[in-house]
Amino acid sequence: MAQPQLQPQTEAKSVPAKPSPGKKRPFFHLSEKKKDALSGYLYISPFYLLFAVFGLFPMLFSFYLGFQKWNGLGEMEFVGLQNFRFVLSDPIFWKSLFNTAAIGIIGTLPQLIIGIILAYALNSALLKFKSFFRVSIFMPYVTSTVAVAIVFGVMFNSQDFGLVNVVLNWLGFDSVSWSTSEWGVKIAISTMVFWRWVGYNTIIYLAGLQGIPNDLYEAAKIDGASIRQQIQYITIPMLKPIIILTVFLSTIGAMQLFTEPLVFLGRSFREEGITVVLYLYREAFSNMAFGTASATAIILFFIIIVLSSINVFFTNRIGR
């Protein structure tokens, strides 16, 4: 009986599947590296979008507005450098610049020096309840501006029952009209600035002090160095980067002083206490001269650059 012959099995060749007519190939293809980069840019894009809308655009628009005459509602009129000539020829602008510099020196320079001393004391191993004192000294920075205005309004009241005038009368001095006298206004605002910001700088200095090795102080004690010598030859040179930072920020803050004189004087814009930013505010929202206000902002911008560069240059020479 004949056996049926078996046909040899052949391997089935794979035929590529035809793409379905409804499925289309993507227009572009991203690698995994590009996808990661794109996701990173998407995560940080909200900050840049907000900065562009609320930071970059107003800054560029202010530069543009400095050469225009505009009341905020009507059409703009190009006036060239007329706004800058008006500001630089206005005696009130120069008065505001003098007031800003005087208040900045009286209120800012002492807080930087005392801030280093307070930070050194808070970093001492002999001090008890460190956390309590650190929180207490930082409280003025987070205190509401309205509360600060009420407290200092009572302290520096021009009447005889004002707290500071009561102390002056008790010591045998005459009462001071803190809200109208030339230097009374400056001293009152400078005291407010000092009280509010000394804790902020102290905490920054304290963070820098905690990065200085204790071995340096122990070696100095063995060599017989006093506390003053330790601060002069160890603390201040080691804190030089922090000091440069605080001087830079304090210079900018002093030239942009606005809140303290506004809450102390109100909207009176008295010449004894008007600052450059108050002058800018008055031109924009009282006189409706936005071109002049923008020109003032541009001038202030370059003044801050010059003064900050000078302060950083001299501060950088500390310890040499």
Protein backbone atom coordinates (compact mmCIF):
# COMPACT_ATOMS: atom_id res chain seq x y z
CA MET A 1 0.00 0.00 0.00
CA ALA A 2 1.54 3.28 -1.09
CA GLN A 3 2.32 5.79 1.62
CA PRO A 4 1.09 9.36 0.96
CA GLN A 5 4.00 11.66 0.39
CA LEU A 6 4.26 14.58 2.87
CA GLN A 7 4.81 17.98 1.35
CA PRO A 8 7.67 19.91 2.97
CA GLN A 9 6.42 22.75 5.20
CA THR A 10 7.48 26.19 4.08
CA GLU A 11 7.75 29.09 6.47
CA ALA A 12 5.04 31.65 6.07
CA LYS A 13 6.46 34.95 5.05
CA SER A 14 5.25 37.91 7.11
CA VAL A 15 3.49 40.41 5.00
CA PRO A 16 3.59 43.97 6.34
CA ALA A 17 0.20 45.11 7.42
CA LYS A 18 -1.24 47.86 5.42
CA PRO A 19 -2.07 50.95 7.41
CA SER A 20 -5.71 51.44 7.95
CA PRO A 21 -7.12 54.28 5.93
CA GLY A 22 -8.35 56.08 9.12
CA LYS A 23 -4.91 56.15 10.89
CA LYS A 24 -2.50 58.85 9.73
CA ARG A 25 1.16 59.25 10.50
CA PRO A 26 1.93 62.17 12.90
CA PHE A 27 3.05 65.37 11.25
CA PHE A 28 6.26 65.53 13.33
CA HIS A 29 8.01 63.13 15.65
CA LEU A 30 9.77 64.14 18.90
CA SER A 31 12.48 62.14 20.51
CA GLU A 32 12.37 61.38 24.23
CA LYS A 33 15.05 64.00 24.89
CA LYS A 34 13.03 66.69 23.14
CA LYS A 35 9.88 65.61 24.96
CA ASP A 36 11.64 65.98 28.32
CA ALA A 37 12.95 69.42 27.34
CA LEU A 38 9.51 70.50 26.15
CA SER A 39 7.85 69.35 29.37
CA GLY A 40 10.44 71.28 31.38
CA TYR A 41 9.75 74.47 29.43
CA LEU A 42 6.02 73.99 29.92
CA TYR A 43 6.49 73.69 33.68
CA ILE A 44 8.43 76.96 33.94
CA SER A 45 6.39 78.83 31.33
CA PRO A 46 3.81 80.26 33.83
CA PHE A 47 6.53 82.29 35.55
CA TYR A 48 7.86 83.71 32.30
CA LEU A 49 4.38 84.47 31.01
CA LEU A 50 3.49 86.35 34.21
CA PHE A 51 6.84 88.13 34.19
CA ALA A 52 6.37 89.15 30.56
CA VAL A 53 2.87 90.52 31.22
CA PHE A 54 3.39 92.17 34.62
CA GLY A 55 7.13 92.86 34.56
CA LEU A 56 8.72 93.15 31.15
CA PHE A 57 5.84 94.82 29.31
CA PRO A 58 5.27 97.60 31.91
CA MET A 59 9.00 98.28 31.97
CA LEU A 60 9.26 98.59 28.19
CA PHE A 61 6.02 100.56 28.01
CA SER A 62 7.35 102.96 30.65
CA PHE A 63 10.44 103.62 28.53
CA TYR A 64 8.18 104.28 25.56
CA LEU A 65 5.87 106.48 27.62
CA GLY A 66 8.75 108.64 28.83
CA PHE A 67 8.85 110.30 25.40
CA GLN A 68 5.08 110.80 25.16
CA LYS A 69 2.56 113.23 26.59
CA TRP A 70 -0.41 111.24 27.91
CA ASN A 71 -3.07 111.72 30.57
CA GLY A 72 -4.04 108.06 30.71
CA LEU A 73 -7.19 108.38 28.58
CA GLY A 74 -6.62 110.45 25.46
CA GLU A 75 -4.26 110.00 22.55
CA MET A 76 -0.51 110.02 23.07
CA GLU A 77 1.60 112.86 21.71
CA PHE A 78 5.31 112.45 21.05
CA VAL A 79 7.26 115.21 22.82
CA GLY A 80 10.80 113.87 22.66
CA LEU A 81 12.95 114.87 25.65
CA GLN A 82 10.50 117.47 26.94
CA ASN A 83 9.41 115.27 29.89
CA PHE A 84 13.03 114.81 30.97
CA ARG A 85 13.72 118.53 30.73
CA PHE A 86 10.67 119.25 32.87
CA VAL A 87 11.66 116.75 35.56
CA LEU A 88 15.31 117.85 35.70
CA SER A 89 14.28 121.52 35.93
CA ASP A 90 11.65 120.92 38.62
CA PRO A 91 13.00 121.95 42.07
CA ILE A 92 10.57 119.56 43.78
CA PHE A 93 12.24 116.62 42.00
CA TRP A 94 15.64 117.64 43.36
CA LYS A 95 14.07 118.12 46.77
CA SER A 96 12.60 114.63 46.60
CA LEU A 97 15.99 113.24 45.55
CA PHE A 98 17.64 114.93 48.54
CA ASN A 99 14.94 113.61 50.88
CA THR A 100 15.35 110.09 49.49
CA ALA A 101 19.13 110.17 49.97
CA ALA A 102 18.86 111.62 53.49
CA ILE A 103 16.23 109.13 54.65
CA GLY A 104 18.18 106.31 52.99
CA ILE A 105 21.39 107.19 54.83
CA ILE A 106 19.72 107.76 58.21
CA GLY A 107 17.49 104.70 58.01
CA THR A 108 19.59 102.22 56.04
CA LEU A 109 23.21 102.62 57.14
CA PRO A 110 22.55 102.04 60.89
CA GLN A 111 20.41 98.97 60.23
CA LEU A 112 23.22 97.28 58.31
CA ILE A 113 25.73 97.91 61.11
CA ILE A 114 23.36 96.99 63.94
CA GLY A 115 22.12 94.01 61.94
CA ILE A 116 25.62 92.47 61.99
CA ILE A 117 25.89 93.06 65.75
CA LEU A 118 22.46 91.55 66.44
CA ALA A 119 23.21 88.57 64.20
CA TYR A 120 26.47 87.97 66.08
CA ALA A 121 24.59 88.10 69.39
CA LEU A 122 21.85 85.74 68.16
CA ASN A 123 24.52 83.30 66.97
CA SER A 124 26.29 83.28 70.33
CA ALA A 125 26.31 80.03 72.30
CA LEU A 126 25.71 81.97 75.52
CA LEU A 127 22.28 83.24 74.43
CA LYS A 128 19.24 81.39 75.71
CA PHE A 129 15.84 81.21 73.94
CA LYS A 130 17.44 81.80 70.53
CA SER A 131 14.32 80.82 68.59
CA PHE A 132 12.20 83.32 70.52
CA PHE A 133 14.57 86.22 69.86
CA ARG A 134 14.97 85.29 66.19
CA VAL A 135 11.22 85.26 65.63
CA SER A 136 10.77 88.48 67.62
CA ILE A 137 13.35 90.41 65.67
CA PHE A 138 11.82 89.29 62.36
CA MET A 139 8.25 90.23 63.35
CA PRO A 140 8.43 93.90 62.20
CA TYR A 141 9.11 92.74 58.64
CA VAL A 142 5.88 90.73 58.46
CA THR A 143 3.77 93.25 60.38
CA SER A 144 0.93 94.91 58.47
CA THR A 145 1.74 98.32 57.05
CA VAL A 146 -1.51 99.73 58.45
CA ALA A 147 -0.53 98.62 61.95
CA VAL A 148 2.92 100.17 61.52
CA ALA A 149 1.33 103.46 60.42
CA ILE A 150 -0.96 103.52 63.47
CA VAL A 151 1.86 102.76 65.93
CA PHE A 152 4.29 105.31 64.52
CA GLY A 153 1.49 107.85 64.08
CA VAL A 154 0.95 107.70 67.85
CA MET A 155 4.66 107.70 68.66
CA PHE A 156 5.54 110.65 66.41
CA ASN A 157 2.41 112.69 66.93
CA SER A 158 3.16 116.39 66.58
CA GLN A 159 1.11 117.28 69.66
CA ASP A 160 2.51 117.36 73.17
CA PHE A 161 0.83 114.06 74.04
CA GLY A 162 2.80 112.18 71.35
CA LEU A 163 4.94 109.45 72.90
CA VAL A 164 8.25 110.78 71.61
CA ASN A 165 7.33 114.37 72.53
CA VAL A 166 6.40 113.23 76.04
CA VAL A 167 9.87 111.71 76.43
CA LEU A 168 11.50 114.85 75.02
CA ASN A 169 9.54 117.08 77.41
CA TRP A 170 10.49 114.82 80.31
CA LEU A 171 14.16 115.26 79.34
CA GLY A 172 13.72 119.04 79.18
CA PHE A 173 13.48 119.50 75.38
CA ASP A 174 10.73 121.21 73.40
CA SER A 175 8.15 119.25 71.42
CA VAL A 176 8.88 118.57 67.75
CA SER A 177 6.39 118.88 64.93
CA TRP A 178 7.22 115.50 63.40
CA SER A 179 4.84 115.78 60.45
CA THR A 180 5.78 119.31 59.28
CA SER A 181 9.36 120.12 60.34
CA GLU A 182 12.18 119.57 57.87
CA TRP A 183 14.23 117.02 59.78
CA GLY A 184 11.44 115.81 62.03
CA VAL A 185 9.71 114.13 59.07
CA LYS A 186 12.97 112.56 57.90
CA ILE A 187 13.85 111.21 61.34
CA ALA A 188 10.36 109.77 61.87
CA ILE A 189 10.32 108.02 58.47
CA SER A 190 13.92 106.82 58.92
CA THR A 191 13.00 105.34 62.29
CA MET A 192 10.10 103.50 60.68
CA VAL A 193 12.39 102.18 57.94
CA PHE A 194 15.01 101.09 60.50
CA TRP A 195 12.46 99.34 62.72
CA ARG A 196 10.86 97.49 59.84
CA TRP A 197 13.98 96.27 58.00
CA VAL A 198 16.67 95.72 60.64
CA GLY A 199 15.27 92.26 61.45
CA TYR A 200 15.27 91.28 57.78
CA ASN A 201 18.98 92.09 57.40
CA THR A 202 19.76 90.47 60.75
CA ILE A 203 18.31 87.14 59.63
CA ILE A 204 20.32 87.31 56.39
CA TYR A 205 23.51 88.00 58.35
CA LEU A 206 22.63 85.22 60.80
CA ALA A 207 22.36 82.72 57.94
CA GLY A 208 25.81 83.81 56.77
CA LEU A 209 27.28 83.56 60.27
CA GLN A 210 26.13 79.98 60.62
CA GLY A 211 28.27 79.11 57.61
CA ILE A 212 31.49 80.35 59.30
CA PRO A 213 33.42 77.49 60.99
CA ASN A 214 33.63 77.74 64.77
CA ASP A 215 37.28 76.66 64.61
CA LEU A 216 38.21 80.17 63.51
CA TYR A 217 36.64 81.73 66.60
CA GLU A 218 38.17 79.12 68.90
CA ALA A 219 41.62 79.74 67.43
CA ALA A 220 41.10 83.49 67.83
CA LYS A 221 40.12 83.03 71.49
CA ILE A 222 43.26 80.98 72.11
CA ASP A 223 45.34 83.78 70.58
CA GLY A 224 43.65 86.25 72.95
CA ALA A 225 41.44 88.07 70.44
CA SER A 226 38.62 90.16 71.91
CA ILE A 227 35.03 90.10 70.67
CA ARG A 228 35.61 93.30 68.71
CA GLN A 229 38.67 91.80 67.04
CA GLN A 230 36.76 88.60 66.21
CA ILE A 231 34.05 90.64 64.51
CA GLN A 232 36.56 92.84 62.70
CA TYR A 233 38.99 90.19 61.47
CA ILE A 234 36.80 87.07 61.16
CA THR A 235 33.10 87.89 60.96
CA ILE A 236 33.12 90.87 58.60
CA PRO A 237 35.64 89.46 56.05
CA MET A 238 33.84 86.10 55.98
CA LEU A 239 30.49 87.86 55.58
CA LYS A 240 31.67 90.03 52.68
CA PRO A 241 29.45 88.35 50.03
CA ILE A 242 26.41 88.69 52.33
CA ILE A 243 27.28 92.32 53.10
CA ILE A 244 27.55 93.11 49.38
CA LEU A 245 24.12 91.54 48.85
CA THR A 246 22.48 93.50 51.67
CA VAL A 247 24.12 96.78 50.60
CA PHE A 248 22.93 96.22 47.03
CA LEU A 249 19.35 95.41 48.10
CA SER A 250 19.28 98.22 50.68
CA THR A 251 20.44 100.77 48.13
CA ILE A 252 17.66 99.78 45.75
CA GLY A 253 15.10 99.75 48.57
CA ALA A 254 16.19 103.15 49.87
CA MET A 255 15.91 104.79 46.44
CA GLN A 256 12.49 103.19 45.90
CA LEU A 257 11.14 104.29 49.29
CA PHE A 258 7.40 104.72 49.00
CA THR A 259 5.27 102.90 51.58
CA GLU A 260 6.70 104.43 54.76
CA PRO A 261 6.40 108.13 53.76
CA LEU A 262 2.98 107.48 52.20
CA VAL A 263 1.48 105.91 55.33
CA PHE A 264 3.12 108.53 57.58
CA LEU A 265 2.23 111.65 55.59
CA GLY A 266 -0.83 110.41 53.75
CA ARG A 267 -1.56 111.96 50.36
CA SER A 268 -0.38 115.41 51.40
CA PHE A 269 2.92 115.05 49.45
CA ARG A 270 4.65 117.57 51.69
CA GLU A 271 8.04 118.72 50.43
CA GLU A 272 9.67 117.86 53.76
CA GLY A 273 9.08 114.13 53.24
CA ILE A 274 8.36 113.58 49.55
CA THR A 275 10.60 110.93 47.96
CA VAL A 276 11.34 110.27 44.29
CA VAL A 277 8.75 107.49 44.05
CA LEU A 278 6.17 109.70 45.81
CA TYR A 279 6.99 112.42 43.29
CA LEU A 280 6.46 109.88 40.51
CA TYR A 281 3.18 108.77 42.08
CA ARG A 282 1.97 112.36 42.38
CA GLU A 283 2.76 113.13 38.75
CA ALA A 284 0.98 110.01 37.51
CA PHE A 285 -2.15 109.78 39.67
CA SER A 286 -2.65 113.34 40.94
CA ASN A 287 -1.48 115.45 38.00
CA MET A 288 -2.38 112.75 35.40
CA ALA A 289 0.98 113.30 33.68
CA PHE A 290 2.04 109.76 32.89
CA GLY A 291 4.77 110.88 30.52
CA THR A 292 6.47 112.92 33.24
CA ALA A 293 6.06 110.07 35.70
CA SER A 294 7.66 107.62 33.27
CA ALA A 295 10.54 110.02 32.64
CA THR A 296 11.06 110.18 36.42
CA ALA A 297 11.11 106.38 36.58
CA ILE A 298 13.76 106.23 33.83
CA ILE A 299 15.93 108.80 35.61
CA LEU A 300 15.55 106.91 38.88
CA PHE A 301 16.51 103.68 37.11
CA PHE A 302 19.88 105.09 36.05
CA ILE A 303 20.45 106.73 39.44
CA ILE A 304 19.94 103.36 41.15
CA ILE A 305 22.39 101.69 38.76
CA VAL A 306 25.08 104.31 39.47
CA LEU A 307 24.61 104.34 43.26
CA SER A 308 24.41 100.54 43.50
CA SER A 309 27.62 100.18 41.49
CA ILE A 310 29.41 102.70 43.71
CA ASN A 311 28.22 101.03 46.92
CA VAL A 312 29.12 97.55 45.71
CA PHE A 313 32.57 98.80 44.63
CA PHE A 314 33.38 100.24 48.06
CA THR A 315 31.78 97.32 49.92
CA ASN A 316 33.85 94.87 47.88
CA ARG A 317 37.01 96.47 49.33
CA ILE A 318 36.09 95.27 52.84
CA GLY A 319 38.73 92.95 54.22
CA ARG A 320 41.44 93.87 51.71
